[in-house]
């Protein structure tokens, strides 16, 4: 892997970059803003649908239109930073995100909003990959560790605040903005980031890599063919056309993998380091990540749909109902990152999945015991347990997934894991959201139908947790206790 060096920059007498801490604030604000937008719309989505109309499947598109381009363009965004300069791509991405956010807030119809959400996702894919490279350009030694360590808490805070913030902003109806406030809130944040961005140094690879346009096209086409047929579909009765599209998607992704090998063999720069797939543990990590983030993001959507569409709960109550999940996630991710992973290693992953499964079974029981039309009170502690399990799994997973890799593989691996995380979120909203909507349609209708549908969706998610557990076990076999120390 090529060493990344900064372009000439001013130094203080001790050799450090003078404006590094204020520049770090810009990077972290941008990271939080981009990651927040993956979840902040989930609670507001039913209100958006009620205002703009369109098919019910549009509720899923409000999220997946953002996460899908975010996922498939992340690695290409990092490559563009290598070629054109990380600060330049960072500023371009933040500016594009701000403009797209304003366009979302002013969208007159469903189609426009979905299109502008896709632009938001593509802009985020330009911003996020630049963060680590710019931090490495500004910091060294212990300061670099502190700066890199700040990314995790920011990601956790974005996950904690997203659903609740979406409910609060929509309910507050500031200046009669209703749901549009969840997009308008990005504007002042983006302006602050842009104001601080001149403090960032320019940084790029000393030997410019090539941009694998064909690889990007294959990845986008393959994932699109997989996801599109699932959104709004009856999962139990997919049409022949849907199965054909998904088969074509798998074949296209296979062609992408073969293409990456050919690019590497020709001495050019592949999007993904092919040697990663020679490691069964890393392939298992991709499976574990996809299924885990499908569960967490998909279930969040299902809970919101059931509360707002099934029970008629207001947007504020729906948002606050996810607060126990968010608090549990914050507490356990801190404990895992600060103490548990160092002491117990990869076993924390399996414990986290066990706690997650316990919370999901508790949620199923809460729904089963709830009277039709009544709020399932015991859902709140069950969601807190779900959050605890998710928070235990995530730090242990990323630590263990990256630990066995060689230095030259780390950049490609980190980018691919982030991309797969967003792809898992996309698939989770598509699959579990469609399972819920199909169950509500096939059930007895009204509140009873929604209770039936949400249980079907949770049981489907239980199967995905089993996939994550099996893949995590394979990771453990390859790496032993890995990150224990």
Protein backbone atom coordinates (compact mmCIF):
# COMPACT_ATOMS: atom_id res chain seq x y z
CA UNK A 1 0.00 0.00 0.00
CA UNK A 2 1.42 3.38 -0.99
CA UNK A 3 2.42 5.75 1.77
CA UNK A 4 0.28 8.89 1.85
CA UNK A 5 2.14 12.16 2.29
CA UNK A 6 0.86 15.69 2.71
CA UNK A 7 1.63 18.47 0.33
CA UNK A 8 3.86 21.27 1.72
CA UNK A 9 2.22 22.78 4.79
CA UNK A 10 3.13 25.19 7.60
CA UNK A 11 4.74 23.68 10.68
CA UNK A 12 5.19 24.99 14.19
CA UNK A 13 8.70 24.83 15.69
CA UNK A 14 7.93 21.45 17.24
CA UNK A 15 6.97 20.03 13.82
CA UNK A 16 3.21 19.82 14.37
CA UNK A 17 0.39 21.20 12.23
CA UNK A 18 -0.76 24.39 13.99
CA UNK A 19 -4.51 24.36 13.30
CA UNK A 20 -5.08 20.66 13.76
CA UNK A 21 -7.61 20.69 16.62
CA UNK A 22 -10.01 23.20 15.07
CA UNK A 23 -9.62 21.35 11.76
CA UNK A 24 -10.51 18.12 13.57
CA UNK A 25 -13.76 19.74 14.71
CA UNK A 26 -14.67 20.28 11.05
CA UNK A 27 -14.00 16.62 10.23
CA UNK A 28 -16.01 15.30 13.17
CA UNK A 29 -18.96 17.63 12.54
CA UNK A 30 -19.09 16.50 8.91
CA UNK A 31 -18.87 12.85 9.93
CA UNK A 32 -21.70 13.25 12.45
CA UNK A 33 -23.87 15.15 9.94
CA UNK A 34 -23.46 12.50 7.24
CA UNK A 35 -24.02 9.52 9.54
CA UNK A 36 -26.95 11.23 11.29
CA UNK A 37 -28.81 11.54 8.01
CA UNK A 38 -28.84 7.75 7.64
CA UNK A 39 -31.21 7.47 10.64
CA UNK A 40 -32.77 10.90 11.27
CA UNK A 41 -35.30 10.43 8.47
CA UNK A 42 -36.61 7.07 9.70
CA UNK A 43 -38.91 8.57 12.34
CA UNK A 44 -39.97 11.45 10.09
CA UNK A 45 -40.65 9.18 7.09
CA UNK A 46 -44.34 8.42 7.84
CA UNK A 47 -44.99 12.16 8.28
CA UNK A 48 -43.25 12.84 4.97
CA UNK A 49 -45.40 10.21 3.30
CA UNK A 50 -48.57 11.66 4.81
CA UNK A 51 -47.66 15.08 3.43
CA UNK A 52 -46.30 14.19 -0.01
CA UNK A 53 -48.34 11.07 -0.72
CA UNK A 54 -47.15 8.32 -3.03
CA UNK A 55 -47.01 4.55 -2.46
CA UNK A 56 -46.28 3.23 1.03
CA UNK A 57 -42.99 1.79 -0.27
CA UNK A 58 -41.78 5.39 -0.61
CA UNK A 59 -41.24 5.33 3.17
CA UNK A 60 -38.48 2.77 2.61
CA UNK A 61 -37.03 4.77 -0.27
CA UNK A 62 -36.58 7.85 1.91
CA UNK A 63 -33.84 5.92 3.74
CA UNK A 64 -32.50 3.55 1.08
CA UNK A 65 -32.13 6.30 -1.54
CA UNK A 66 -29.52 7.77 0.83
CA UNK A 67 -27.73 4.66 2.10
CA UNK A 68 -27.45 2.85 -1.27
CA UNK A 69 -25.32 5.46 -3.12
CA UNK A 70 -23.50 6.11 0.14
CA UNK A 71 -22.54 2.42 0.25
CA UNK A 72 -21.52 1.84 -3.35
CA UNK A 73 -19.59 5.11 -3.79
CA UNK A 74 -17.65 5.12 -0.49
CA UNK A 75 -14.59 3.33 -1.83
CA UNK A 76 -14.56 5.37 -5.04
CA UNK A 77 -14.84 8.51 -2.91
CA UNK A 78 -11.69 7.51 -1.08
CA UNK A 79 -9.90 6.87 -4.38
CA UNK A 80 -10.93 10.30 -5.69
CA UNK A 81 -9.37 11.83 -2.57
CA UNK A 82 -6.11 10.04 -3.38
CA UNK A 83 -6.20 11.49 -6.90
CA UNK A 84 -7.59 15.03 -6.56
CA UNK A 85 -6.80 15.86 -2.94
CA UNK A 86 -8.64 15.01 0.25
CA UNK A 87 -9.44 18.55 1.36
CA UNK A 88 -10.79 19.39 -2.10
CA UNK A 89 -13.08 16.33 -2.12
CA UNK A 90 -14.10 16.97 1.50
CA UNK A 91 -15.18 20.56 0.73
CA UNK A 92 -16.92 19.49 -2.48
CA UNK A 93 -18.81 16.75 -0.62
CA UNK A 94 -19.90 19.03 2.25
CA UNK A 95 -21.05 21.73 -0.16
CA UNK A 96 -22.95 19.17 -2.24
CA UNK A 97 -24.52 17.74 0.91
CA UNK A 98 -25.69 21.19 2.01
CA UNK A 99 -27.25 21.96 -1.37
CA UNK A 100 -28.91 18.54 -1.52
CA UNK A 101 -30.26 18.99 2.03
CA UNK A 102 -31.85 22.31 1.06
CA UNK A 103 -33.32 20.66 -2.04
CA UNK A 104 -34.76 17.86 0.13
CA UNK A 105 -36.35 20.41 2.45
CA UNK A 106 -37.97 22.19 -0.52
CA UNK A 107 -38.95 19.01 -2.40
CA UNK A 108 -42.47 19.37 -3.84
CA UNK A 109 -43.07 15.66 -4.33
CA UNK A 110 -41.95 12.14 -3.50
CA UNK A 111 -39.88 11.62 -6.66
CA UNK A 112 -37.94 14.83 -6.15
CA UNK A 113 -37.22 13.99 -2.50
CA UNK A 114 -35.95 10.51 -3.35
CA UNK A 115 -33.70 11.92 -6.08
CA UNK A 116 -32.28 14.58 -3.77
CA UNK A 117 -31.70 11.96 -1.05
CA UNK A 118 -29.58 10.03 -3.56
CA UNK A 119 -27.51 13.17 -4.15
CA UNK A 120 -27.09 13.49 -0.38
CA UNK A 121 -25.82 9.92 -0.20
CA UNK A 122 -23.37 10.44 -3.05
CA UNK A 123 -22.08 13.63 -1.38
CA UNK A 124 -21.61 11.78 1.92
CA UNK A 125 -19.55 9.18 0.05
CA UNK A 126 -17.13 11.96 -0.90
CA UNK A 127 -16.83 13.26 2.68
CA UNK A 128 -16.48 10.22 4.95
CA UNK A 129 -13.46 8.51 3.27
CA UNK A 130 -11.34 11.66 3.59
CA UNK A 131 -11.53 11.84 7.39
CA UNK A 132 -8.86 9.33 8.37
CA UNK A 133 -6.39 10.47 5.71
CA UNK A 134 -6.71 14.10 6.80
CA UNK A 135 -6.31 13.18 10.47
CA UNK A 136 -3.11 11.30 9.62
CA UNK A 137 -1.90 14.36 7.70
CA UNK A 138 -2.36 16.63 10.72
CA UNK A 139 -1.46 14.47 13.73
CA UNK A 140 1.30 12.13 14.79
CA UNK A 141 2.15 9.93 17.76
CA UNK A 142 -0.21 9.92 20.74
CA UNK A 143 -2.16 12.85 19.33
CA UNK A 144 -3.04 10.81 16.26
CA UNK A 145 -4.39 8.02 18.47
CA UNK A 146 -6.51 10.52 20.38
CA UNK A 147 -7.80 12.10 17.17
CA UNK A 148 -8.64 8.75 15.55
CA UNK A 149 -10.22 7.59 18.81
CA UNK A 150 -12.65 10.50 18.69
CA UNK A 151 -14.35 9.08 15.58
CA UNK A 152 -16.01 6.19 17.46
CA UNK A 153 -17.82 8.33 20.05
CA UNK A 154 -18.99 10.70 17.31
CA UNK A 155 -20.43 7.77 15.34
CA UNK A 156 -22.10 6.50 18.50
CA UNK A 157 -23.54 9.94 19.28
CA UNK A 158 -24.94 10.18 15.75
CA UNK A 159 -26.60 6.77 16.18
CA UNK A 160 -28.01 7.80 19.56
CA UNK A 161 -29.36 11.17 18.41
CA UNK A 162 -30.65 10.32 14.93
CA UNK A 163 -34.07 8.75 15.55
CA UNK A 164 -34.88 10.95 18.57
CA UNK A 165 -33.80 14.12 16.77
CA UNK A 166 -35.97 13.21 13.79
CA UNK A 167 -39.02 12.91 16.03
CA UNK A 168 -38.31 16.09 18.00
CA UNK A 169 -37.66 18.27 14.95
CA UNK A 170 -40.72 17.03 13.08
CA UNK A 171 -42.98 17.45 16.12
CA UNK A 172 -41.61 20.93 16.93
CA UNK A 173 -42.82 22.15 13.51
CA UNK A 174 -40.46 25.12 13.64
CA UNK A 175 -41.74 27.94 11.40
CA UNK A 176 -44.33 25.47 10.05
CA UNK A 177 -41.50 23.37 8.62
CA UNK A 178 -42.79 20.01 9.94
CA UNK A 179 -40.60 17.18 8.54
CA UNK A 180 -38.58 19.59 6.41
CA UNK A 181 -36.66 20.64 9.54
CA UNK A 182 -34.78 17.30 9.57
CA UNK A 183 -33.07 18.43 6.36
CA UNK A 184 -32.80 22.15 7.15
CA UNK A 185 -30.81 21.36 10.32
CA UNK A 186 -27.94 20.25 8.08
CA UNK A 187 -27.49 23.73 6.58
CA UNK A 188 -25.98 25.56 9.61
CA UNK A 189 -23.82 22.55 10.44
CA UNK A 190 -22.49 22.41 6.87
CA UNK A 191 -21.78 26.16 6.90
CA UNK A 192 -19.72 25.79 10.09
CA UNK A 193 -17.77 22.93 8.52
CA UNK A 194 -17.12 24.93 5.36
CA UNK A 195 -15.99 27.91 7.44
CA UNK A 196 -13.45 25.70 9.23
CA UNK A 197 -12.32 23.79 6.13
CA UNK A 198 -9.54 26.26 5.13
CA UNK A 199 -7.76 25.05 8.27
CA UNK A 200 -7.39 21.60 6.71
CA UNK A 201 -4.17 20.76 4.84
CA UNK A 202 -4.37 19.43 1.31
CA UNK A 203 -3.38 15.77 1.16
CA UNK A 204 -3.21 13.14 -1.56
CA UNK A 205 -1.27 10.05 -2.59
CA UNK A 206 2.24 10.93 -3.89
CA UNK A 207 1.69 8.59 -6.84
CA UNK A 208 -1.83 9.05 -8.10
CA UNK A 209 -3.77 5.79 -8.40
CA UNK A 210 -6.20 5.17 -11.24
CA UNK A 211 -9.94 5.45 -10.79
CA UNK A 212 -11.61 2.11 -11.48
CA UNK A 213 -14.71 3.41 -13.28
CA UNK A 214 -15.73 -0.05 -14.54
CA UNK A 215 -15.44 -1.52 -11.05
CA UNK A 216 -17.60 1.28 -9.64
CA UNK A 217 -20.21 0.74 -12.36
CA UNK A 218 -20.33 -3.02 -11.73
CA UNK A 219 -20.66 -2.53 -7.97
CA UNK A 220 -23.46 0.03 -8.39
CA UNK A 221 -25.34 -2.10 -10.91
CA UNK A 222 -25.03 -5.31 -8.90
CA UNK A 223 -26.18 -3.82 -5.60
CA UNK A 224 -28.98 -1.90 -7.31
CA UNK A 225 -30.31 -5.06 -8.96
CA UNK A 226 -30.27 -6.78 -5.57
CA UNK A 227 -32.01 -4.04 -3.60
CA UNK A 228 -34.58 -2.54 -5.97
CA UNK A 229 -36.82 -5.64 -6.31
CA UNK A 230 -37.06 -5.95 -2.50
CA UNK A 231 -38.41 -2.49 -1.72
CA UNK A 232 -42.18 -2.52 -1.35
CA UNK A 233 -42.39 -6.14 -2.51
CA UNK A 234 -44.21 -9.04 -0.88
CA UNK A 235 -41.13 -11.02 0.16
CA UNK A 236 -43.07 -14.30 0.31
CA UNK A 237 -44.37 -13.90 -3.26
CA UNK A 238 -41.64 -12.30 -5.32
CA UNK A 239 -42.31 -12.23 -9.05
CA UNK A 240 -40.19 -14.02 -11.62
CA UNK A 241 -38.91 -10.62 -12.74
CA UNK A 242 -37.75 -9.82 -9.20
CA UNK A 243 -35.92 -13.13 -8.89
CA UNK A 244 -34.35 -12.55 -12.31
CA UNK A 245 -33.16 -9.07 -11.30
CA UNK A 246 -31.61 -10.36 -8.07
CA UNK A 247 -29.92 -13.23 -9.91
CA UNK A 248 -28.51 -10.72 -12.38
CA UNK A 249 -27.32 -8.66 -9.42
CA UNK A 250 -25.42 -11.60 -7.95
CA UNK A 251 -23.85 -12.37 -11.33
CA UNK A 252 -22.85 -8.73 -11.73
CA UNK A 253 -21.20 -8.70 -8.29
CA UNK A 254 -19.35 -11.90 -9.25
CA UNK A 255 -18.15 -10.10 -12.38
CA UNK A 256 -17.04 -7.23 -10.13
CA UNK A 257 -14.93 -9.60 -8.03
CA UNK A 258 -13.32 -11.10 -11.14
CA UNK A 259 -12.73 -7.63 -12.53
CA UNK A 260 -10.94 -6.58 -9.33
CA UNK A 261 -8.58 -9.54 -9.64
CA UNK A 262 -7.85 -8.64 -13.25
CA UNK A 263 -7.16 -5.00 -12.38
CA UNK A 264 -4.75 -6.01 -9.62
CA UNK A 265 -3.00 -8.56 -11.87
CA UNK A 266 -2.49 -5.84 -14.49
CA UNK A 267 -0.71 -3.66 -11.93
CA UNK A 268 -3.47 -1.06 -11.74
CA UNK A 269 -5.38 0.09 -8.63
CA UNK A 270 -8.44 -2.04 -7.79
CA UNK A 271 -11.23 -0.62 -5.65
CA UNK A 272 -10.89 -3.58 -3.28
CA UNK A 273 -7.67 -5.40 -2.38
CA UNK A 274 -8.23 -8.95 -3.77
CA UNK A 275 -6.00 -10.53 -1.09
CA UNK A 276 -8.70 -9.72 1.48
CA UNK A 277 -10.92 -12.43 0.03
CA UNK A 278 -8.22 -15.04 0.50
CA UNK A 279 -8.99 -14.72 4.22
CA UNK A 280 -12.11 -16.66 5.26
CA UNK A 281 -12.30 -14.52 8.40
CA UNK A 282 -12.60 -11.28 6.47
CA UNK A 283 -15.22 -12.69 4.10
CA UNK A 284 -17.12 -13.83 7.20
CA UNK A 285 -16.75 -10.30 8.62
CA UNK A 286 -18.48 -8.88 5.55
CA UNK A 287 -21.36 -11.34 6.00
CA UNK A 288 -21.60 -10.57 9.72
CA UNK A 289 -21.59 -6.83 9.12
CA UNK A 290 -24.22 -6.98 6.37
CA UNK A 291 -26.65 -9.07 8.39
CA UNK A 292 -26.05 -7.21 11.69
CA UNK A 293 -26.65 -3.74 10.27
CA UNK A 294 -29.61 -5.09 8.30
CA UNK A 295 -31.13 -6.15 11.63
CA UNK A 296 -30.50 -2.92 13.52
CA UNK A 297 -31.53 -0.50 10.77
CA UNK A 298 -34.37 -2.66 9.52
CA UNK A 299 -35.91 -3.15 12.96
CA UNK A 300 -35.69 0.57 13.70
CA UNK A 301 -37.76 1.18 10.58
CA UNK A 302 -40.24 -1.57 11.51
CA UNK A 303 -40.77 -0.18 15.02
CA UNK A 304 -41.42 3.31 13.65
CA UNK A 305 -43.81 1.99 10.98
CA UNK A 306 -45.79 -0.02 13.54
CA UNK A 307 -46.04 2.82 16.03
CA UNK A 308 -47.05 5.47 13.52
CA UNK A 309 -48.96 3.54 10.85
CA UNK A 310 -50.26 0.68 13.00
CA UNK A 311 -51.07 2.48 16.27
CA UNK A 312 -51.36 6.05 15.06
CA UNK A 313 -48.70 7.22 17.52
CA UNK A 314 -47.44 10.76 17.00
CA UNK A 315 -43.99 11.38 15.57
CA UNK A 316 -42.59 12.68 18.88
CA UNK A 317 -43.72 9.63 20.85
CA UNK A 318 -42.38 7.33 18.14
CA UNK A 319 -39.00 9.07 18.27
CA UNK A 320 -38.82 9.01 22.05
CA UNK A 321 -39.80 5.33 22.05
CA UNK A 322 -36.43 4.63 20.42
CA UNK A 323 -34.56 6.54 23.15
CA UNK A 324 -34.06 3.39 25.35
CA UNK A 325 -32.43 1.69 22.34
CA UNK A 326 -30.16 4.69 21.81
CA UNK A 327 -29.19 4.99 25.49
CA UNK A 328 -28.45 1.26 25.74
CA UNK A 329 -26.30 1.50 22.62
CA UNK A 330 -24.34 4.47 24.00
CA UNK A 331 -23.65 2.86 27.38
CA UNK A 332 -22.60 -0.57 26.13
CA UNK A 333 -20.50 0.70 23.21
CA UNK A 334 -18.52 2.87 25.64
CA UNK A 335 -18.04 -0.06 28.04
CA UNK A 336 -17.03 -2.42 25.24
CA UNK A 337 -14.62 0.03 23.61
CA UNK A 338 -13.03 1.18 26.86
CA UNK A 339 -12.77 -2.09 28.79
CA UNK A 340 -14.48 -5.26 27.59
CA UNK A 341 -12.87 -5.79 24.17
CA UNK A 342 -9.35 -5.48 25.57
CA UNK A 343 -10.12 -8.02 28.28
CA UNK A 344 -12.37 -10.55 26.56
CA UNK A 345 -11.58 -10.13 22.86
CA UNK A 346 -13.88 -11.47 20.17
CA UNK A 347 -16.12 -13.22 22.71
CA UNK A 348 -17.74 -9.82 23.25
CA UNK A 349 -19.17 -10.12 19.71
CA UNK A 350 -21.07 -13.30 20.50
CA UNK A 351 -22.20 -11.99 23.89
CA UNK A 352 -23.47 -8.86 22.16
CA UNK A 353 -25.44 -10.91 19.65
CA UNK A 354 -26.88 -12.98 22.51
CA UNK A 355 -28.02 -9.84 24.33
CA UNK A 356 -29.42 -8.46 21.06
CA UNK A 357 -31.37 -11.67 20.49
CA UNK A 358 -32.72 -11.54 24.06
CA UNK A 359 -33.99 -8.02 23.50
CA UNK A 360 -35.62 -9.01 20.21
CA UNK A 361 -37.41 -11.94 21.84
CA UNK A 362 -38.52 -9.57 24.59
CA UNK A 363 -39.92 -7.20 21.95
CA UNK A 364 -41.81 -10.06 20.29
CA UNK A 365 -43.30 -10.98 23.67
CA UNK A 366 -44.24 -7.33 24.31
CA UNK A 367 -46.09 -7.21 21.00
CA UNK A 368 -47.81 -10.53 21.65
CA UNK A 369 -49.05 -9.39 25.07
CA UNK A 370 -50.20 -5.96 23.91
CA UNK A 371 -53.89 -5.42 23.33
CA UNK A 372 -54.87 -4.35 19.80
CA UNK A 373 -54.58 -0.59 19.54
CA UNK A 374 -52.64 -0.25 22.82
CA UNK A 375 -49.07 0.90 23.11
CA UNK A 376 -46.83 -2.11 23.99
CA UNK A 377 -45.34 -0.72 27.22
CA UNK A 378 -42.88 -3.57 27.68
CA UNK A 379 -41.41 -2.76 24.29
CA UNK A 380 -39.35 0.04 25.86
CA UNK A 381 -37.16 -2.13 28.15
CA UNK A 382 -36.88 -4.71 25.36
CA UNK A 383 -35.50 -2.04 23.01
CA UNK A 384 -33.04 -0.97 25.71
CA UNK A 385 -31.72 -4.54 25.76
CA UNK A 386 -31.53 -4.51 21.94
CA UNK A 387 -29.40 -1.37 22.18
CA UNK A 388 -27.13 -2.92 24.80
CA UNK A 389 -26.50 -5.91 22.55
CA UNK A 390 -25.82 -3.75 19.48
CA UNK A 391 -23.40 -1.58 21.46
CA UNK A 392 -21.46 -4.59 22.70
CA UNK A 393 -21.14 -6.12 19.25
CA UNK A 394 -20.00 -3.12 17.20
CA UNK A 395 -16.63 -2.14 18.81
CA UNK A 396 -15.62 -5.79 19.20
CA UNK A 397 -16.56 -6.54 15.60
CA UNK A 398 -14.55 -3.74 13.99
CA UNK A 399 -11.55 -4.38 16.23
CA UNK A 400 -11.50 -8.09 15.45
CA UNK A 401 -12.26 -7.70 11.74
CA UNK A 402 -9.23 -5.44 11.16
CA UNK A 403 -6.73 -6.92 13.62
CA UNK A 404 -5.44 -9.90 11.53
CA UNK A 405 -4.88 -7.85 8.38
CA UNK A 406 -1.59 -6.66 6.93
CA UNK A 407 -0.80 -2.94 6.87
CA UNK A 408 -1.27 -2.70 3.11
CA UNK A 409 -4.76 -4.19 3.42
CA UNK A 410 -6.11 -1.93 6.17
CA UNK A 411 -7.24 1.01 4.02
CA UNK A 412 -9.14 -1.15 1.56
CA UNK A 413 -10.59 -3.28 4.36
CA UNK A 414 -11.82 -0.29 6.39
CA UNK A 415 -13.44 1.25 3.32
CA UNK A 416 -15.11 -2.02 2.37
CA UNK A 417 -16.43 -2.59 5.89
CA UNK A 418 -17.92 0.91 5.97
CA UNK A 419 -19.50 0.34 2.56
CA UNK A 420 -20.94 -3.01 3.63
CA UNK A 421 -22.33 -1.38 6.78
CA UNK A 422 -24.34 1.05 4.65
CA UNK A 423 -25.33 -1.76 2.26
CA UNK A 424 -26.59 -3.80 5.22
CA UNK A 425 -28.63 -0.82 6.37
CA UNK A 426 -30.12 -0.55 2.88
CA UNK A 427 -31.00 -4.24 2.72
CA UNK A 428 -32.44 -4.20 6.24
CA UNK A 429 -34.83 -1.35 5.49
CA UNK A 430 -35.77 -2.99 2.17
CA UNK A 431 -36.26 -6.54 3.47
CA UNK A 432 -37.64 -6.08 6.99
CA UNK A 433 -39.68 -3.05 5.96
CA UNK A 434 -41.23 -5.08 3.14
CA UNK A 435 -41.86 -8.03 5.47
CA UNK A 436 -43.74 -5.69 7.82
CA UNK A 437 -45.79 -4.04 5.07
CA UNK A 438 -46.67 -7.40 3.50
CA UNK A 439 -47.64 -8.82 6.92
CA UNK A 440 -49.83 -5.82 7.70
CA UNK A 441 -51.57 -6.26 4.36
CA UNK A 442 -52.08 -10.02 4.82
CA UNK A 443 -53.05 -9.80 8.51
CA UNK A 444 -56.46 -9.01 9.91
CA UNK A 445 -56.04 -5.30 9.21
CA UNK A 446 -55.82 -2.31 11.53
CA UNK A 447 -53.99 -2.59 14.85
CA UNK A 448 -54.26 -6.40 14.94
CA UNK A 449 -52.72 -6.66 11.50
CA UNK A 450 -49.85 -4.39 12.48
CA UNK A 451 -49.15 -6.48 15.60
CA UNK A 452 -49.01 -9.60 13.46
CA UNK A 453 -46.78 -7.90 10.89
CA UNK A 454 -44.26 -6.53 13.38
CA UNK A 455 -43.84 -9.98 14.96
CA UNK A 456 -43.20 -11.52 11.53
CA UNK A 457 -40.56 -8.87 10.88
CA UNK A 458 -38.86 -9.47 14.24
CA UNK A 459 -38.80 -13.24 13.68
CA UNK A 460 -37.23 -12.63 10.26
CA UNK A 461 -34.59 -10.51 11.99
CA UNK A 462 -33.91 -13.38 14.41
CA UNK A 463 -32.79 -15.43 11.42
CA UNK A 464 -30.42 -12.65 10.34
CA UNK A 465 -28.92 -12.57 13.84
CA UNK A 466 -28.22 -16.27 13.42
CA UNK A 467 -26.33 -15.47 10.20
CA UNK A 468 -24.26 -12.85 12.05
CA UNK A 469 -23.53 -15.32 14.86
CA UNK A 470 -22.33 -18.00 12.43
CA UNK A 471 -20.11 -15.54 10.57
CA UNK A 472 -18.72 -14.20 13.87
CA UNK A 473 -17.83 -17.76 14.88
CA UNK A 474 -15.89 -18.18 11.62
CA UNK A 475 -14.06 -14.92 12.35
CA UNK A 476 -13.12 -16.28 15.77
CA UNK A 477 -11.78 -19.53 14.32
CA UNK A 478 -9.39 -17.68 12.02
CA UNK A 479 -8.20 -15.10 14.53
CA UNK A 480 -8.32 -17.02 17.79
CA UNK A 481 -9.00 -14.68 20.63
CA UNK A 482 -7.63 -11.94 18.37
CA UNK A 483 -7.90 -8.69 20.19
CA UNK A 484 -7.41 -9.93 23.68
CA UNK A 485 -4.58 -8.41 25.44
